[in-house]
Amino acid sequence: DVEPPNQDVTAAPGSTFFSVATNSPW
């Protein structure tokens, strides 16, 4: 399960994050 479905970011450079919930390598 990967959340959230989308991340809105600004025009400036940067980083954002998603949470990966799994019992396996991905």
mmCIF file of all heavy atoms, coordinates in Angstrom:
data_MODEL
# 
_entry.id   MODEL 
# 
loop_
_atom_site.group_PDB 
_atom_site.id 
_atom_site.type_symbol 
_atom_site.label_atom_id 
_atom_site.label_alt_id 
_atom_site.label_comp_id 
_atom_site.label_asym_id 
_atom_site.label_entity_id 
_atom_site.label_seq_id 
_atom_site.pdbx_PDB_ins_code 
_atom_site.Cartn_x 
_atom_site.Cartn_y 
_atom_site.Cartn_z 
_atom_site.occupancy 
_atom_site.B_iso_or_equiv 
_atom_site.pdbx_formal_charge 
_atom_site.auth_seq_id 
_atom_site.auth_comp_id 
_atom_site.auth_asym_id 
_atom_site.auth_atom_id 
_atom_site.pdbx_PDB_model_num 
ATOM 1   N N   . ASP A 1 1  ? 0.868  -1.187 0.000  1.00 0.00 ? 1  ASP A N   1 
ATOM 2   C CA  . ASP A 1 1  ? 0.000  0.000  0.000  1.00 0.00 ? 1  ASP A CA  1 
ATOM 3   C C   . ASP A 1 1  ? 0.902  1.235  0.000  1.00 0.00 ? 1  ASP A C   1 
ATOM 4   O O   . ASP A 1 1  ? 1.824  1.338  0.812  1.00 0.00 ? 1  ASP A O   1 
ATOM 5   C CB  . ASP A 1 1  ? -0.911 0.015  1.236  1.00 0.00 ? 1  ASP A CB  1 
ATOM 6   C CG  . ASP A 1 1  ? -1.860 1.200  1.192  1.00 0.00 ? 1  ASP A CG  1 
ATOM 7   O OD1 . ASP A 1 1  ? -2.587 1.354  0.194  1.00 0.00 ? 1  ASP A OD1 1 
ATOM 8   O OD2 . ASP A 1 1  ? -1.857 1.985  2.158  1.00 0.00 ? 1  ASP A OD2 1 
ATOM 9   N N   . VAL A 1 2  ? 0.651  2.157  -0.935 1.00 0.00 ? 2  VAL A N   1 
ATOM 10  C CA  . VAL A 1 2  ? 1.444  3.380  -1.056 1.00 0.00 ? 2  VAL A CA  1 
ATOM 11  C C   . VAL A 1 2  ? 0.512  4.577  -0.901 1.00 0.00 ? 2  VAL A C   1 
ATOM 12  O O   . VAL A 1 2  ? -0.505 4.671  -1.581 1.00 0.00 ? 2  VAL A O   1 
ATOM 13  C CB  . VAL A 1 2  ? 2.171  3.453  -2.422 1.00 0.00 ? 2  VAL A CB  1 
ATOM 14  C CG1 . VAL A 1 2  ? 3.107  4.668  -2.456 1.00 0.00 ? 2  VAL A CG1 1 
ATOM 15  C CG2 . VAL A 1 2  ? 2.950  2.166  -2.696 1.00 0.00 ? 2  VAL A CG2 1 
ATOM 16  N N   . GLU A 1 3  ? 0.859  5.473  0.009  1.00 0.00 ? 3  GLU A N   1 
ATOM 17  C CA  . GLU A 1 3  ? 0.036  6.645  0.295  1.00 0.00 ? 3  GLU A CA  1 
ATOM 18  C C   . GLU A 1 3  ? 0.899  7.902  0.390  1.00 0.00 ? 3  GLU A C   1 
ATOM 19  O O   . GLU A 1 3  ? 2.062  7.804  0.802  1.00 0.00 ? 3  GLU A O   1 
ATOM 20  C CB  . GLU A 1 3  ? -0.727 6.440  1.623  1.00 0.00 ? 3  GLU A CB  1 
ATOM 21  C CG  . GLU A 1 3  ? -1.736 5.299  1.605  1.00 0.00 ? 3  GLU A CG  1 
ATOM 22  C CD  . GLU A 1 3  ? -2.914 5.551  0.697  1.00 0.00 ? 3  GLU A CD  1 
ATOM 23  O OE1 . GLU A 1 3  ? -3.149 6.739  0.354  1.00 0.00 ? 3  GLU A OE1 1 
ATOM 24  O OE2 . GLU A 1 3  ? -3.586 4.572  0.310  1.00 0.00 ? 3  GLU A OE2 1 
ATOM 25  N N   . PRO A 1 4  ? 0.350  9.090  0.059  1.00 0.00 ? 4  PRO A N   1 
ATOM 26  C CA  . PRO A 1 4  ? -0.971 9.343  -0.513 1.00 0.00 ? 4  PRO A CA  1 
ATOM 27  C C   . PRO A 1 4  ? -0.975 9.079  -2.019 1.00 0.00 ? 4  PRO A C   1 
ATOM 28  O O   . PRO A 1 4  ? 0.091  8.900  -2.623 1.00 0.00 ? 4  PRO A O   1 
ATOM 29  C CB  . PRO A 1 4  ? -1.182 10.836 -0.222 1.00 0.00 ? 4  PRO A CB  1 
ATOM 30  C CG  . PRO A 1 4  ? 0.202  11.406 -0.272 1.00 0.00 ? 4  PRO A CG  1 
ATOM 31  C CD  . PRO A 1 4  ? 1.091  10.351 0.312  1.00 0.00 ? 4  PRO A CD  1 
ATOM 32  N N   . PRO A 1 5  ? -2.127 9.087  -2.660 1.00 0.00 ? 5  PRO A N   1 
ATOM 33  C CA  . PRO A 1 5  ? -2.175 8.849  -4.107 1.00 0.00 ? 5  PRO A CA  1 
ATOM 34  C C   . PRO A 1 5  ? -1.461 9.934  -4.912 1.00 0.00 ? 5  PRO A C   1 
ATOM 35  O O   . PRO A 1 5  ? -0.972 9.665  -6.009 1.00 0.00 ? 5  PRO A O   1 
ATOM 36  C CB  . PRO A 1 5  ? -3.681 8.832  -4.417 1.00 0.00 ? 5  PRO A CB  1 
ATOM 37  C CG  . PRO A 1 5  ? -4.344 8.557  -3.111 1.00 0.00 ? 5  PRO A CG  1 
ATOM 38  C CD  . PRO A 1 5  ? -3.477 9.182  -2.069 1.00 0.00 ? 5  PRO A CD  1 
ATOM 39  N N   . ASN A 1 6  ? -1.395 11.173 -4.371 1.00 0.00 ? 6  ASN A N   1 
ATOM 40  C CA  . ASN A 1 6  ? -0.772 12.279 -5.095 1.00 0.00 ? 6  ASN A CA  1 
ATOM 41  C C   . ASN A 1 6  ? -0.152 13.255 -4.104 1.00 0.00 ? 6  ASN A C   1 
ATOM 42  O O   . ASN A 1 6  ? -0.673 13.470 -3.004 1.00 0.00 ? 6  ASN A O   1 
ATOM 43  C CB  . ASN A 1 6  ? -1.813 13.009 -5.951 1.00 0.00 ? 6  ASN A CB  1 
ATOM 44  C CG  . ASN A 1 6  ? -1.241 14.249 -6.627 1.00 0.00 ? 6  ASN A CG  1 
ATOM 45  O OD1 . ASN A 1 6  ? -0.467 14.142 -7.582 1.00 0.00 ? 6  ASN A OD1 1 
ATOM 46  N ND2 . ASN A 1 6  ? -1.598 15.420 -6.134 1.00 0.00 ? 6  ASN A ND2 1 
ATOM 47  N N   . GLN A 1 7  ? 0.951  13.868 -4.536 1.00 0.00 ? 7  GLN A N   1 
ATOM 48  C CA  . GLN A 1 7  ? 1.562  14.956 -3.790 1.00 0.00 ? 7  GLN A CA  1 
ATOM 49  C C   . GLN A 1 7  ? 1.628  16.180 -4.707 1.00 0.00 ? 7  GLN A C   1 
ATOM 50  O O   . GLN A 1 7  ? 2.225  16.130 -5.786 1.00 0.00 ? 7  GLN A O   1 
ATOM 51  C CB  . GLN A 1 7  ? 2.985  14.591 -3.314 1.00 0.00 ? 7  GLN A CB  1 
ATOM 52  C CG  . GLN A 1 7  ? 3.039  13.522 -2.235 1.00 0.00 ? 7  GLN A CG  1 
ATOM 53  C CD  . GLN A 1 7  ? 2.718  14.064 -0.853 1.00 0.00 ? 7  GLN A CD  1 
ATOM 54  O OE1 . GLN A 1 7  ? 2.018  15.055 -0.702 1.00 0.00 ? 7  GLN A OE1 1 
ATOM 55  N NE2 . GLN A 1 7  ? 3.221  13.396 0.184  1.00 0.00 ? 7  GLN A NE2 1 
ATOM 56  N N   . ASP A 1 8  ? 0.979  17.280 -4.280 1.00 0.00 ? 8  ASP A N   1 
ATOM 57  C CA  . ASP A 1 8  ? 1.065  18.549 -5.001 1.00 0.00 ? 8  ASP A CA  1 
ATOM 58  C C   . ASP A 1 8  ? 2.281  19.313 -4.502 1.00 0.00 ? 8  ASP A C   1 
ATOM 59  O O   . ASP A 1 8  ? 2.454  19.494 -3.290 1.00 0.00 ? 8  ASP A O   1 
ATOM 60  C CB  . ASP A 1 8  ? -0.197 19.391 -4.778 1.00 0.00 ? 8  ASP A CB  1 
ATOM 61  C CG  . ASP A 1 8  ? -1.413 18.819 -5.496 1.00 0.00 ? 8  ASP A CG  1 
ATOM 62  O OD1 . ASP A 1 8  ? -1.258 18.369 -6.639 1.00 0.00 ? 8  ASP A OD1 1 
ATOM 63  O OD2 . ASP A 1 8  ? -2.511 18.822 -4.898 1.00 0.00 ? 8  ASP A OD2 1 
ATOM 64  N N   . VAL A 1 9  ? 3.125  19.784 -5.438 1.00 0.00 ? 9  VAL A N   1 
ATOM 65  C CA  . VAL A 1 9  ? 4.336  20.508 -5.059 1.00 0.00 ? 9  VAL A CA  1 
ATOM 66  C C   . VAL A 1 9  ? 4.412  21.804 -5.859 1.00 0.00 ? 9  VAL A C   1 
ATOM 67  O O   . VAL A 1 9  ? 3.741  21.973 -6.873 1.00 0.00 ? 9  VAL A O   1 
ATOM 68  C CB  . VAL A 1 9  ? 5.600  19.653 -5.303 1.00 0.00 ? 9  VAL A CB  1 
ATOM 69  C CG1 . VAL A 1 9  ? 5.562  18.396 -4.452 1.00 0.00 ? 9  VAL A CG1 1 
ATOM 70  C CG2 . VAL A 1 9  ? 5.753  19.296 -6.782 1.00 0.00 ? 9  VAL A CG2 1 
ATOM 71  N N   . THR A 1 10 ? 5.245  22.733 -5.399 1.00 0.00 ? 10 THR A N   1 
ATOM 72  C CA  . THR A 1 10 ? 5.389  24.028 -6.055 1.00 0.00 ? 10 THR A CA  1 
ATOM 73  C C   . THR A 1 10 ? 6.359  23.929 -7.229 1.00 0.00 ? 10 THR A C   1 
ATOM 74  O O   . THR A 1 10 ? 7.011  22.902 -7.441 1.00 0.00 ? 10 THR A O   1 
ATOM 75  C CB  . THR A 1 10 ? 5.895  25.084 -5.064 1.00 0.00 ? 10 THR A CB  1 
ATOM 76  O OG1 . THR A 1 10 ? 7.234  24.722 -4.656 1.00 0.00 ? 10 THR A OG1 1 
ATOM 77  C CG2 . THR A 1 10 ? 4.987  25.157 -3.837 1.00 0.00 ? 10 THR A CG2 1 
ATOM 78  N N   . ALA A 1 11 ? 6.496  25.027 -7.970 1.00 0.00 ? 11 ALA A N   1 
ATOM 79  C CA  . ALA A 1 11 ? 7.391  25.058 -9.127 1.00 0.00 ? 11 ALA A CA  1 
ATOM 80  C C   . ALA A 1 11 ? 8.864  25.014 -8.728 1.00 0.00 ? 11 ALA A C   1 
ATOM 81  O O   . ALA A 1 11 ? 9.717  24.604 -9.530 1.00 0.00 ? 11 ALA A O   1 
ATOM 82  C CB  . ALA A 1 11 ? 7.116  26.307 -9.967 1.00 0.00 ? 11 ALA A CB  1 
ATOM 83  N N   . ALA A 1 12 ? 9.194  25.420 -7.496 1.00 0.00 ? 12 ALA A N   1 
ATOM 84  C CA  . ALA A 1 12 ? 10.587 25.406 -7.040 1.00 0.00 ? 12 ALA A CA  1 
ATOM 85  C C   . ALA A 1 12 ? 11.070 23.966 -6.851 1.00 0.00 ? 12 ALA A C   1 
ATOM 86  O O   . ALA A 1 12 ? 10.271 23.060 -6.603 1.00 0.00 ? 12 ALA A O   1 
ATOM 87  C CB  . ALA A 1 12 ? 10.699 26.181 -5.731 1.00 0.00 ? 12 ALA A CB  1 
ATOM 88  N N   . PRO A 1 13 ? 12.375 23.708 -6.954 1.00 0.00 ? 13 PRO A N   1 
ATOM 89  C CA  . PRO A 1 13 ? 12.883 22.343 -6.744 1.00 0.00 ? 13 PRO A CA  1 
ATOM 90  C C   . PRO A 1 13 ? 12.727 21.914 -5.288 1.00 0.00 ? 13 PRO A C   1 
ATOM 91  O O   . PRO A 1 13 ? 12.681 22.745 -4.379 1.00 0.00 ? 13 PRO A O   1 
ATOM 92  C CB  . PRO A 1 13 ? 14.358 22.447 -7.145 1.00 0.00 ? 13 PRO A CB  1 
ATOM 93  C CG  . PRO A 1 13 ? 14.707 23.890 -6.925 1.00 0.00 ? 13 PRO A CG  1 
ATOM 94  C CD  . PRO A 1 13 ? 13.460 24.666 -7.248 1.00 0.00 ? 13 PRO A CD  1 
ATOM 95  N N   . GLY A 1 14 ? 12.648 20.609 -5.075 1.00 0.00 ? 14 GLY A N   1 
ATOM 96  C CA  . GLY A 1 14 ? 12.501 20.120 -3.703 1.00 0.00 ? 14 GLY A CA  1 
ATOM 97  C C   . GLY A 1 14 ? 12.297 18.623 -3.658 1.00 0.00 ? 14 GLY A C   1 
ATOM 98  O O   . GLY A 1 14 ? 12.582 17.892 -4.614 1.00 0.00 ? 14 GLY A O   1 
ATOM 99  N N   . SER A 1 15 ? 11.773 18.154 -2.531 1.00 0.00 ? 15 SER A N   1 
ATOM 100 C CA  . SER A 1 15 ? 11.530 16.726 -2.306 1.00 0.00 ? 15 SER A CA  1 
ATOM 101 C C   . SER A 1 15 ? 10.168 16.542 -1.658 1.00 0.00 ? 15 SER A C   1 
ATOM 102 O O   . SER A 1 15 ? 9.695  17.418 -0.914 1.00 0.00 ? 15 SER A O   1 
ATOM 103 C CB  . SER A 1 15 ? 12.601 16.116 -1.402 1.00 0.00 ? 15 SER A CB  1 
ATOM 104 O OG  . SER A 1 15 ? 13.877 16.206 -1.983 1.00 0.00 ? 15 SER A OG  1 
ATOM 105 N N   . THR A 1 16 ? 9.557  15.399 -1.912 1.00 0.00 ? 16 THR A N   1 
ATOM 106 C CA  . THR A 1 16 ? 8.321  15.019 -1.244 1.00 0.00 ? 16 THR A CA  1 
ATOM 107 C C   . THR A 1 16 ? 8.395  13.531 -0.936 1.00 0.00 ? 16 THR A C   1 
ATOM 108 O O   . THR A 1 16 ? 9.314  12.830 -1.402 1.00 0.00 ? 16 THR A O   1 
ATOM 109 C CB  . THR A 1 16 ? 7.085  15.368 -2.094 1.00 0.00 ? 16 THR A CB  1 
ATOM 110 O OG1 . THR A 1 16 ? 5.906  15.185 -1.293 1.00 0.00 ? 16 THR A OG1 1 
ATOM 111 C CG2 . THR A 1 16 ? 7.000  14.504 -3.352 1.00 0.00 ? 16 THR A CG2 1 
ATOM 112 N N   . PHE A 1 17 ? 7.444  13.010 -0.153 1.00 0.00 ? 17 PHE A N   1 
ATOM 113 C CA  . PHE A 1 17 ? 7.560  11.642 0.358  1.00 0.00 ? 17 PHE A CA  1 
ATOM 114 C C   . PHE A 1 17 ? 6.236  10.890 0.214  1.00 0.00 ? 17 PHE A C   1 
ATOM 115 O O   . PHE A 1 17 ? 5.152  11.473 0.269  1.00 0.00 ? 17 PHE A O   1 
ATOM 116 C CB  . PHE A 1 17 ? 7.977  11.649 1.838  1.00 0.00 ? 17 PHE A CB  1 
ATOM 117 C CG  . PHE A 1 17 ? 9.255  12.393 2.085  1.00 0.00 ? 17 PHE A CG  1 
ATOM 118 C CD1 . PHE A 1 17 ? 9.223  13.741 2.433  1.00 0.00 ? 17 PHE A CD1 1 
ATOM 119 C CD2 . PHE A 1 17 ? 10.481 11.767 1.952  1.00 0.00 ? 17 PHE A CD2 1 
ATOM 120 C CE1 . PHE A 1 17 ? 10.396 14.444 2.646  1.00 0.00 ? 17 PHE A CE1 1 
ATOM 121 C CE2 . PHE A 1 17 ? 11.656 12.464 2.168  1.00 0.00 ? 17 PHE A CE2 1 
ATOM 122 C CZ  . PHE A 1 17 ? 11.615 13.806 2.519  1.00 0.00 ? 17 PHE A CZ  1 
ATOM 123 N N   . PHE A 1 18 ? 6.372  9.563  0.044  1.00 0.00 ? 18 PHE A N   1 
ATOM 124 C CA  . PHE A 1 18 ? 5.237  8.645  0.059  1.00 0.00 ? 18 PHE A CA  1 
ATOM 125 C C   . PHE A 1 18 ? 5.546  7.539  1.068  1.00 0.00 ? 18 PHE A C   1 
ATOM 126 O O   . PHE A 1 18 ? 6.705  7.125  1.222  1.00 0.00 ? 18 PHE A O   1 
ATOM 127 C CB  . PHE A 1 18 ? 5.008  8.030  -1.318 1.00 0.00 ? 18 PHE A CB  1 
ATOM 128 C CG  . PHE A 1 18 ? 4.622  9.030  -2.377 1.00 0.00 ? 18 PHE A CG  1 
ATOM 129 C CD1 . PHE A 1 18 ? 5.600  9.716  -3.092 1.00 0.00 ? 18 PHE A CD1 1 
ATOM 130 C CD2 . PHE A 1 18 ? 3.289  9.302  -2.648 1.00 0.00 ? 18 PHE A CD2 1 
ATOM 131 C CE1 . PHE A 1 18 ? 5.253  10.642 -4.060 1.00 0.00 ? 18 PHE A CE1 1 
ATOM 132 C CE2 . PHE A 1 18 ? 2.932  10.225 -3.623 1.00 0.00 ? 18 PHE A CE2 1 
ATOM 133 C CZ  . PHE A 1 18 ? 3.921  10.902 -4.337 1.00 0.00 ? 18 PHE A CZ  1 
ATOM 134 N N   . SER A 1 19 ? 4.505  7.081  1.737  1.00 0.00 ? 19 SER A N   1 
ATOM 135 C CA  . SER A 1 19 ? 4.658  6.004  2.716  1.00 0.00 ? 19 SER A CA  1 
ATOM 136 C C   . SER A 1 19 ? 4.384  4.664  2.035  1.00 0.00 ? 19 SER A C   1 
ATOM 137 O O   . SER A 1 19 ? 3.317  4.467  1.432  1.00 0.00 ? 19 SER A O   1 
ATOM 138 C CB  . SER A 1 19 ? 3.680  6.216  3.879  1.00 0.00 ? 19 SER A CB  1 
ATOM 139 O OG  . SER A 1 19 ? 3.735  5.121  4.775  1.00 0.00 ? 19 SER A OG  1 
ATOM 140 N N   . VAL A 1 20 ? 5.351  3.740  2.123  1.00 0.00 ? 20 VAL A N   1 
ATOM 141 C CA  . VAL A 1 20 ? 5.212  2.410  1.543  1.00 0.00 ? 20 VAL A CA  1 
ATOM 142 C C   . VAL A 1 20 ? 4.990  1.411  2.692  1.00 0.00 ? 20 VAL A C   1 
ATOM 143 O O   . VAL A 1 20 ? 5.839  1.266  3.572  1.00 0.00 ? 20 VAL A O   1 
ATOM 144 C CB  . VAL A 1 20 ? 6.461  2.017  0.734  1.00 0.00 ? 20 VAL A CB  1 
ATOM 145 C CG1 . VAL A 1 20 ? 6.297  0.608  0.150  1.00 0.00 ? 20 VAL A CG1 1 
ATOM 146 C CG2 . VAL A 1 20 ? 6.726  3.030  -0.367 1.00 0.00 ? 20 VAL A CG2 1 
ATOM 147 N N   . ALA A 1 21 ? 3.824  0.762  2.679  1.00 0.00 ? 21 ALA A N   1 
ATOM 148 C CA  . ALA A 1 21 ? 3.516  -0.273 3.678  1.00 0.00 ? 21 ALA A CA  1 
ATOM 149 C C   . ALA A 1 21 ? 3.513  -1.617 2.972  1.00 0.00 ? 21 ALA A C   1 
ATOM 150 O O   . ALA A 1 21 ? 2.676  -1.861 2.088  1.00 0.00 ? 21 ALA A O   1 
ATOM 151 C CB  . ALA A 1 21 ? 2.171  0.005  4.326  1.00 0.00 ? 21 ALA A CB  1 
ATOM 152 N N   . THR A 1 22 ? 4.450  -2.485 3.332  1.00 0.00 ? 22 THR A N   1 
ATOM 153 C CA  . THR A 1 22 ? 4.570  -3.785 2.665  1.00 0.00 ? 22 THR A CA  1 
ATOM 154 C C   . THR A 1 22 ? 5.323  -4.751 3.565  1.00 0.00 ? 22 THR A C   1 
ATOM 155 O O   . THR A 1 22 ? 6.019  -4.346 4.504  1.00 0.00 ? 22 THR A O   1 
ATOM 156 C CB  . THR A 1 22 ? 5.294  -3.638 1.312  1.00 0.00 ? 22 THR A CB  1 
ATOM 157 O OG1 . THR A 1 22 ? 5.328  -4.907 0.660  1.00 0.00 ? 22 THR A OG1 1 
ATOM 158 C CG2 . THR A 1 22 ? 6.697  -3.113 1.486  1.00 0.00 ? 22 THR A CG2 1 
ATOM 159 N N   . ASN A 1 23 ? 5.177  -6.043 3.270  1.00 0.00 ? 23 ASN A N   1 
ATOM 160 C CA  . ASN A 1 23 ? 5.954  -7.068 3.973  1.00 0.00 ? 23 ASN A CA  1 
ATOM 161 C C   . ASN A 1 23 ? 7.001  -7.677 3.051  1.00 0.00 ? 23 ASN A C   1 
ATOM 162 O O   . ASN A 1 23 ? 7.503  -8.766 3.314  1.00 0.00 ? 23 ASN A O   1 
ATOM 163 C CB  . ASN A 1 23 ? 5.021  -8.165 4.498  1.00 0.00 ? 23 ASN A CB  1 
ATOM 164 C CG  . ASN A 1 23 ? 4.227  -8.835 3.377  1.00 0.00 ? 23 ASN A CG  1 
ATOM 165 O OD1 . ASN A 1 23 ? 4.381  -8.475 2.203  1.00 0.00 ? 23 ASN A OD1 1 
ATOM 166 N ND2 . ASN A 1 23 ? 3.379  -9.796 3.738  1.00 0.00 ? 23 ASN A ND2 1 
ATOM 167 N N   . SER A 1 24 ? 7.325  -6.951 1.977  1.00 0.00 ? 24 SER A N   1 
ATOM 168 C CA  . SER A 1 24 ? 8.163  -7.515 0.919  1.00 0.00 ? 24 SER A CA  1 
ATOM 169 C C   . SER A 1 24 ? 9.208  -6.504 0.447  1.00 0.00 ? 24 SER A C   1 
ATOM 170 O O   . SER A 1 24 ? 9.093  -5.300 0.701  1.00 0.00 ? 24 SER A O   1 
ATOM 171 C CB  . SER A 1 24 ? 7.289  -7.918 -0.273 1.00 0.00 ? 24 SER A CB  1 
ATOM 172 O OG  . SER A 1 24 ? 6.211  -8.730 0.113  1.00 0.00 ? 24 SER A OG  1 
ATOM 173 N N   . PRO A 1 25 ? 10.194 -6.956 -0.321 1.00 0.00 ? 25 PRO A N   1 
ATOM 174 C CA  . PRO A 1 25 ? 11.074 -6.020 -1.032 1.00 0.00 ? 25 PRO A CA  1 
ATOM 175 C C   . PRO A 1 25 ? 10.279 -5.296 -2.124 1.00 0.00 ? 25 PRO A C   1 
ATOM 176 O O   . PRO A 1 25 ? 9.391  -5.888 -2.741 1.00 0.00 ? 25 PRO A O   1 
ATOM 177 C CB  . PRO A 1 25 ? 12.151 -6.933 -1.631 1.00 0.00 ? 25 PRO A CB  1 
ATOM 178 C CG  . PRO A 1 25 ? 12.056 -8.219 -0.885 1.00 0.00 ? 25 PRO A CG  1 
ATOM 179 C CD  . PRO A 1 25 ? 10.626 -8.363 -0.485 1.00 0.00 ? 25 PRO A CD  1 
ATOM 180 N N   . TRP A 1 26 ? 10.610 -4.040 -2.390 1.00 0.00 ? 26 TRP A N   1 
ATOM 181 C CA  . TRP A 1 26 ? 9.893  -3.273 -3.395 1.00 0.00 ? 26 TRP A CA  1 
ATOM 182 C C   . TRP A 1 26 ? 10.857 -2.402 -4.195 1.00 0.00 ? 26 TRP A C   1 
ATOM 183 O O   . TRP A 1 26 ? 11.962 -2.109 -3.755 1.00 0.00 ? 26 TRP A O   1 
ATOM 184 C CB  . TRP A 1 26 ? 8.808  -2.398 -2.762 1.00 0.00 ? 26 TRP A CB  1 
ATOM 185 C CG  . TRP A 1 26 ? 9.279  -1.501 -1.639 1.00 0.00 ? 26 TRP A CG  1 
ATOM 186 C CD1 . TRP A 1 26 ? 9.302  -1.802 -0.309 1.00 0.00 ? 26 TRP A CD1 1 
ATOM 187 C CD2 . TRP A 1 26 ? 9.812  -0.184 -1.758 1.00 0.00 ? 26 TRP A CD2 1 
ATOM 188 N NE1 . TRP A 1 26 ? 9.810  -0.758 0.425  1.00 0.00 ? 26 TRP A NE1 1 
ATOM 189 C CE2 . TRP A 1 26 ? 10.135 0.266  -0.446 1.00 0.00 ? 26 TRP A CE2 1 
ATOM 190 C CE3 . TRP A 1 26 ? 10.057 0.675  -2.826 1.00 0.00 ? 26 TRP A CE3 1 
ATOM 191 C CZ2 . TRP A 1 26 ? 10.683 1.518  -0.201 1.00 0.00 ? 26 TRP A CZ2 1 
ATOM 192 C CZ3 . TRP A 1 26 ? 10.594 1.927  -2.581 1.00 0.00 ? 26 TRP A CZ3 1 
ATOM 193 C CH2 . TRP A 1 26 ? 10.898 2.343  -1.282 1.00 0.00 ? 26 TRP A CH2 1 
# 
